[in-house]
Amino acid sequence: MKMVRAIIRPEKTKDVLEALEKEGFVSVTEMDVYGRGKQKGITIGSVKYDELPKTMLFMVIEDEDEEQVCEIVMKAAKTGEGTIGDGRIFVLPVEKAYTISSAQSGL
């Protein structure tokens, strides 16, 4: 199993969730987060914003779905060619997962 963590622009959340659901990936956790990437925030006039609002989506998927899920997220979250600040995807191994109500392991 893998955990996919996608940090995206908040305004793209609906697009990403709809694209994932359309392809059968419905189990997602969503969290509002703040941070900055390579651009180190943005400056508008005389005001500098060091931390920008983002949305983090968490999913645990089967290993063989990793490439498909990442492609779906990248396509749906992208705002333009080479646009800075569209987000990042991190993929981590998951050793085990348990359903609390049934105590079953796995997805």
Protein backbone atom coordinates (compact mmCIF):
# COMPACT_ATOMS: atom_id res chain seq x y z
CA MET A 1 0.00 0.00 0.00
CA LYS A 2 1.02 3.60 -0.54
CA MET A 3 -0.07 6.88 0.99
CA VAL A 4 -0.41 9.72 -1.48
CA ARG A 5 -0.25 13.22 0.00
CA ALA A 6 -1.15 15.92 -2.47
CA ILE A 7 -0.74 19.58 -1.51
CA ILE A 8 -2.77 21.65 -3.97
CA ARG A 9 -4.34 25.06 -4.43
CA PRO A 10 -7.63 25.27 -2.49
CA GLU A 11 -9.54 26.36 -5.58
CA LYS A 12 -8.56 23.12 -7.35
CA THR A 13 -9.80 20.80 -4.57
CA LYS A 14 -13.22 20.20 -6.10
CA ASP A 15 -11.70 19.44 -9.52
CA VAL A 16 -9.23 16.95 -8.04
CA LEU A 17 -11.83 15.20 -5.88
CA GLU A 18 -14.26 14.90 -8.80
CA ALA A 19 -11.53 13.50 -11.07
CA LEU A 20 -10.48 10.93 -8.44
CA GLU A 21 -14.07 9.88 -7.80
CA LYS A 22 -14.76 9.52 -11.52
CA GLU A 23 -11.94 6.95 -11.68
CA GLY A 24 -13.14 5.09 -8.58
CA PHE A 25 -10.84 6.60 -5.94
CA VAL A 26 -13.35 7.84 -3.38
CA SER A 27 -11.51 7.39 -0.07
CA VAL A 28 -9.82 10.73 0.59
CA THR A 29 -9.06 12.82 3.66
CA GLU A 30 -8.88 16.58 3.18
CA MET A 31 -7.11 19.12 5.38
CA ASP A 32 -6.57 22.86 5.12
CA VAL A 33 -2.87 23.67 5.51
CA TYR A 34 -0.56 26.67 5.12
CA GLY A 35 2.93 26.78 3.75
CA ARG A 36 5.26 27.84 1.01
CA GLY A 37 7.34 26.16 -1.62
CA LYS A 38 10.23 27.17 -3.82
CA GLN A 39 8.69 30.57 -4.51
CA LYS A 40 9.05 31.47 -0.78
CA GLY A 41 5.58 33.03 -0.65
CA ILE A 42 4.31 35.92 -2.73
CA THR A 43 4.52 39.70 -2.59
CA ILE A 44 1.51 41.83 -3.52
CA GLY A 45 2.38 45.50 -3.45
CA SER A 46 4.22 46.11 -0.21
CA VAL A 47 2.74 43.05 1.55
CA LYS A 48 4.64 39.75 1.64
CA TYR A 49 2.73 36.53 2.27
CA ASP A 50 5.18 33.91 3.57
CA GLU A 51 2.62 31.15 4.06
CA LEU A 52 -0.14 30.53 1.57
CA PRO A 53 -3.36 28.57 2.06
CA LYS A 54 -3.27 25.10 0.48
CA THR A 55 -5.30 21.91 0.73
CA MET A 56 -3.71 18.58 1.54
CA LEU A 57 -5.41 15.43 0.32
CA PHE A 58 -4.45 12.06 1.85
CA MET A 59 -5.19 8.72 0.22
CA VAL A 60 -4.06 5.18 0.92
CA ILE A 61 -4.07 3.13 -2.27
CA GLU A 62 -2.84 -0.17 -3.64
CA ASP A 63 0.74 -0.07 -4.97
CA GLU A 64 -0.38 -0.65 -8.56
CA ASP A 65 -2.63 2.47 -8.48
CA GLU A 66 0.17 4.92 -7.63
CA GLU A 67 0.92 6.15 -11.13
CA GLN A 68 -2.75 6.48 -12.10
CA VAL A 69 -3.66 8.42 -8.94
CA CYS A 70 -0.69 10.78 -9.31
CA GLU A 71 -1.56 11.43 -12.97
CA ILE A 72 -5.19 12.18 -12.06
CA VAL A 73 -4.13 14.64 -9.35
CA MET A 74 -1.52 16.35 -11.54
CA LYS A 75 -3.93 16.80 -14.43
CA ALA A 76 -6.81 18.09 -12.29
CA ALA A 77 -4.67 20.35 -10.04
CA LYS A 78 -2.65 22.03 -12.77
CA THR A 79 -3.56 25.67 -13.44
CA GLY A 80 -1.27 26.36 -16.39
CA GLU A 81 2.01 25.47 -18.08
CA GLY A 82 4.85 25.89 -15.61
CA THR A 83 2.72 27.75 -13.06
CA ILE A 84 4.53 28.03 -9.75
CA GLY A 85 2.52 27.09 -6.67
CA ASP A 86 0.27 24.40 -8.16
CA GLY A 87 1.45 21.97 -5.50
CA ARG A 88 3.38 18.78 -4.77
CA ILE A 89 2.63 15.08 -4.44
CA PHE A 90 4.41 12.86 -1.95
CA VAL A 91 4.15 9.06 -2.00
CA LEU A 92 5.04 7.05 1.09
CA PRO A 93 4.93 3.34 1.87
CA VAL A 94 2.19 2.13 4.24
CA GLU A 95 3.00 -0.98 6.23
CA LYS A 96 -0.48 -1.68 7.59
CA ALA A 97 -3.97 -0.20 7.72
CA TYR A 98 -6.81 -1.18 10.04
CA THR A 99 -10.53 -0.47 9.93
CA ILE A 100 -11.46 0.53 13.48
CA SER A 101 -15.05 -0.77 13.44
CA SER A 102 -14.15 -4.25 12.21
CA ALA A 103 -10.49 -4.53 13.24
CA GLN A 104 -9.76 -5.83 9.73
CA SER A 105 -6.40 -5.03 8.21
CA GLY A 106 -5.81 -3.89 4.62
CA LEU A 107 -7.78 -1.54 2.44
